[in-house]
Amino acid sequence: MTRTQALAFVQKHGVVLEAGRGPVVSFADAVAGTPIRGSWWGHPKGRDIFALTRAVRDSKDVCVCRIVGGKITYVHRRLWPALFRIAPRLPRRQLAKIHEVHTATGRHIVQESAFPEWVPAQVQLQAKKLTEAQAISALGKWSTALLAGAA
């Protein structure tokens, strides 16, 4: 999988887990071409998975947050209005946009941009045009279960 294919995969699916199991597809499994048992770090395609996760994380069209099961989740820009529309019913912490930073000492730290600070004004305007039902439909079945648990 190339960087372009990786971003197209996230765009197509809209909401993708970086790794692991859940109600949406796993990016690591897609790169590996098969479900991964255990950690992807030990998988023969582990280096490819790592490089492509970083490419996706660095895309301006992808929000990296923890919206699905508290796991690292990619949400493509095309679904940001839907996510913003249902946000009042969700835990704000799970909507924080996360970004991993490499420090001068070589450590990795995770920085968070609180919700809704990271949401562009244009996305907020688009969200106002959606009904809650339209937003849930756009996000998919996983969002129904999430909202049921958040209520």
Protein backbone atom coordinates (compact mmCIF):
# COMPACT_ATOMS: atom_id res chain seq x y z
CA MET A 1 0.00 0.00 0.00
CA THR A 2 1.29 3.45 -0.91
CA ARG A 3 0.71 6.71 0.98
CA THR A 4 -1.90 7.70 -1.62
CA GLN A 5 -3.67 4.34 -1.25
CA ALA A 6 -3.57 4.66 2.54
CA LEU A 7 -5.28 8.05 2.44
CA ALA A 8 -7.80 6.77 -0.12
CA PHE A 9 -8.59 3.86 2.22
CA VAL A 10 -9.37 6.26 5.09
CA GLN A 11 -11.40 8.50 2.79
CA LYS A 12 -13.42 5.55 1.50
CA HIS A 13 -14.22 4.12 4.94
CA GLY A 14 -14.52 7.48 6.70
CA VAL A 15 -13.91 6.15 10.21
CA VAL A 16 -11.05 3.70 10.70
CA LEU A 17 -9.29 2.24 13.72
CA GLU A 18 -5.53 2.55 13.50
CA ALA A 19 -5.22 -1.00 14.82
CA GLY A 20 -7.07 -3.59 16.85
CA ARG A 21 -10.64 -4.81 16.75
CA GLY A 22 -13.81 -2.81 16.86
CA PRO A 23 -16.98 -1.87 15.00
CA VAL A 24 -15.04 -0.27 12.12
CA VAL A 25 -12.21 -1.49 9.89
CA SER A 26 -8.62 -1.68 11.11
CA PHE A 27 -5.98 0.19 9.13
CA ALA A 28 -3.16 -2.09 10.30
CA ASP A 29 -5.10 -5.15 9.13
CA ALA A 30 -5.69 -3.51 5.75
CA VAL A 31 -1.98 -2.79 5.29
CA ALA A 32 -1.08 -6.32 6.38
CA GLY A 33 -3.69 -7.77 4.05
CA THR A 34 -5.03 -10.03 6.78
CA PRO A 35 -6.21 -9.74 10.40
CA ILE A 36 -3.23 -9.34 12.70
CA ARG A 37 -2.98 -11.50 15.80
CA GLY A 38 -1.31 -9.66 18.63
CA SER A 39 0.68 -6.48 18.12
CA TRP A 40 1.32 -5.19 14.60
CA TRP A 41 4.82 -4.19 15.66
CA GLY A 42 5.94 -7.81 15.33
CA HIS A 43 4.18 -8.39 12.02
CA PRO A 44 6.37 -8.83 8.89
CA LYS A 45 4.79 -5.64 7.49
CA GLY A 46 5.24 -3.77 10.78
CA ARG A 47 7.60 -1.18 9.27
CA ASP A 48 5.16 -0.52 6.42
CA ILE A 49 2.28 -0.23 8.88
CA PHE A 50 4.25 2.25 10.98
CA ALA A 51 5.25 4.40 7.99
CA LEU A 52 1.71 4.47 6.63
CA THR A 53 0.10 5.25 10.00
CA ARG A 54 2.41 8.26 10.22
CA ALA A 55 1.45 9.35 6.71
CA VAL A 56 -2.23 9.16 7.63
CA ARG A 57 -1.69 10.90 10.97
CA ASP A 58 0.11 13.74 9.18
CA SER A 59 -2.68 14.32 6.66
CA LYS A 60 -4.62 17.57 7.01
CA ASP A 61 -7.69 15.61 5.86
CA VAL A 62 -7.67 13.21 8.80
CA CYS A 63 -8.59 13.87 12.42
CA VAL A 64 -6.85 11.46 14.77
CA CYS A 65 -8.88 11.02 17.93
CA ARG A 66 -10.16 8.28 20.24
CA ILE A 67 -13.84 8.25 19.27
CA VAL A 68 -14.22 4.49 18.65
CA GLY A 69 -13.79 2.51 21.84
CA GLY A 70 -11.16 4.90 23.19
CA LYS A 71 -8.73 3.60 20.53
CA ILE A 72 -6.73 5.64 18.04
CA THR A 73 -9.27 6.42 15.32
CA TYR A 74 -8.95 8.18 11.98
CA VAL A 75 -11.90 10.30 10.88
CA HIS A 76 -11.75 11.60 7.33
CA ARG A 77 -12.58 15.26 6.73
CA ARG A 78 -15.71 14.35 4.73
CA LEU A 79 -17.29 13.14 8.00
CA TRP A 80 -16.23 16.01 10.24
CA PRO A 81 -19.58 17.83 9.81
CA ALA A 82 -21.46 14.69 10.87
CA LEU A 83 -19.16 14.18 13.85
CA PHE A 84 -19.57 17.83 14.85
CA ARG A 85 -23.36 17.53 14.56
CA ILE A 86 -23.60 14.63 17.06
CA ALA A 87 -20.79 15.92 19.29
CA PRO A 88 -23.09 17.35 22.00
CA ARG A 89 -24.08 13.75 22.81
CA LEU A 90 -20.50 12.46 23.04
CA PRO A 91 -17.68 12.72 25.60
CA ARG A 92 -15.59 15.74 24.56
CA ARG A 93 -12.34 14.05 25.57
CA GLN A 94 -12.88 11.40 22.86
CA LEU A 95 -13.28 14.18 20.28
CA ALA A 96 -9.96 15.84 21.08
CA LYS A 97 -7.65 15.82 18.07
CA ILE A 98 -4.39 14.16 18.99
CA HIS A 99 -0.99 14.70 17.44
CA GLU A 100 2.23 12.90 18.29
CA VAL A 101 5.29 15.12 18.52
CA HIS A 102 8.92 14.07 18.44
CA THR A 103 10.80 16.16 21.02
CA ALA A 104 14.41 17.31 20.77
CA THR A 105 15.35 14.63 23.32
CA GLY A 106 13.89 11.90 21.11
CA ARG A 107 10.82 11.31 23.24
CA HIS A 108 7.35 11.15 21.77
CA ILE A 109 4.62 13.15 23.42
CA VAL A 110 0.97 13.36 22.53
CA GLN A 111 -0.52 16.81 22.18
CA GLU A 112 -4.28 17.32 22.18
CA SER A 113 -6.38 20.01 20.56
CA ALA A 114 -9.60 20.22 22.52
CA PHE A 115 -12.92 19.90 20.78
CA PRO A 116 -14.29 22.07 19.15
CA GLU A 117 -11.12 24.21 18.83
CA TRP A 118 -9.73 22.06 16.01
CA VAL A 119 -12.93 22.13 13.94
CA PRO A 120 -12.76 24.61 11.02
CA ALA A 121 -15.55 27.20 10.81
CA GLN A 122 -16.64 25.86 7.40
CA VAL A 123 -17.16 22.39 8.90
CA GLN A 124 -19.25 23.87 11.70
CA LEU A 125 -21.45 25.61 9.12
CA GLN A 126 -21.86 22.38 7.16
CA ALA A 127 -22.81 20.56 10.38
CA LYS A 128 -25.68 22.99 11.01
CA LYS A 129 -27.26 21.86 7.74
CA LEU A 130 -27.40 18.23 8.89
CA THR A 131 -30.10 16.63 10.97
CA GLU A 132 -28.94 14.29 13.70
CA ALA A 133 -30.35 11.36 11.72
CA GLN A 134 -28.36 12.40 8.63
CA ALA A 135 -25.18 12.68 10.70
CA ILE A 136 -25.67 9.25 12.26
CA SER A 137 -26.39 7.74 8.86
CA ALA A 138 -23.24 9.30 7.39
CA LEU A 139 -21.09 8.01 10.24
CA GLY A 140 -22.47 4.47 10.09
CA LYS A 141 -23.79 1.83 12.46
CA TRP A 142 -20.96 2.18 14.96
CA SER A 143 -22.21 5.69 15.84
CA THR A 144 -25.65 4.39 16.83
CA ALA A 145 -24.08 2.11 19.43
CA LEU A 146 -21.79 4.92 20.59
CA LEU A 147 -24.69 7.30 21.07
CA ALA A 148 -26.70 4.65 22.91
CA GLY A 149 -23.80 4.24 25.34
CA ALA A 150 -23.27 7.98 25.71
CA ALA A 151 -26.89 8.76 26.47
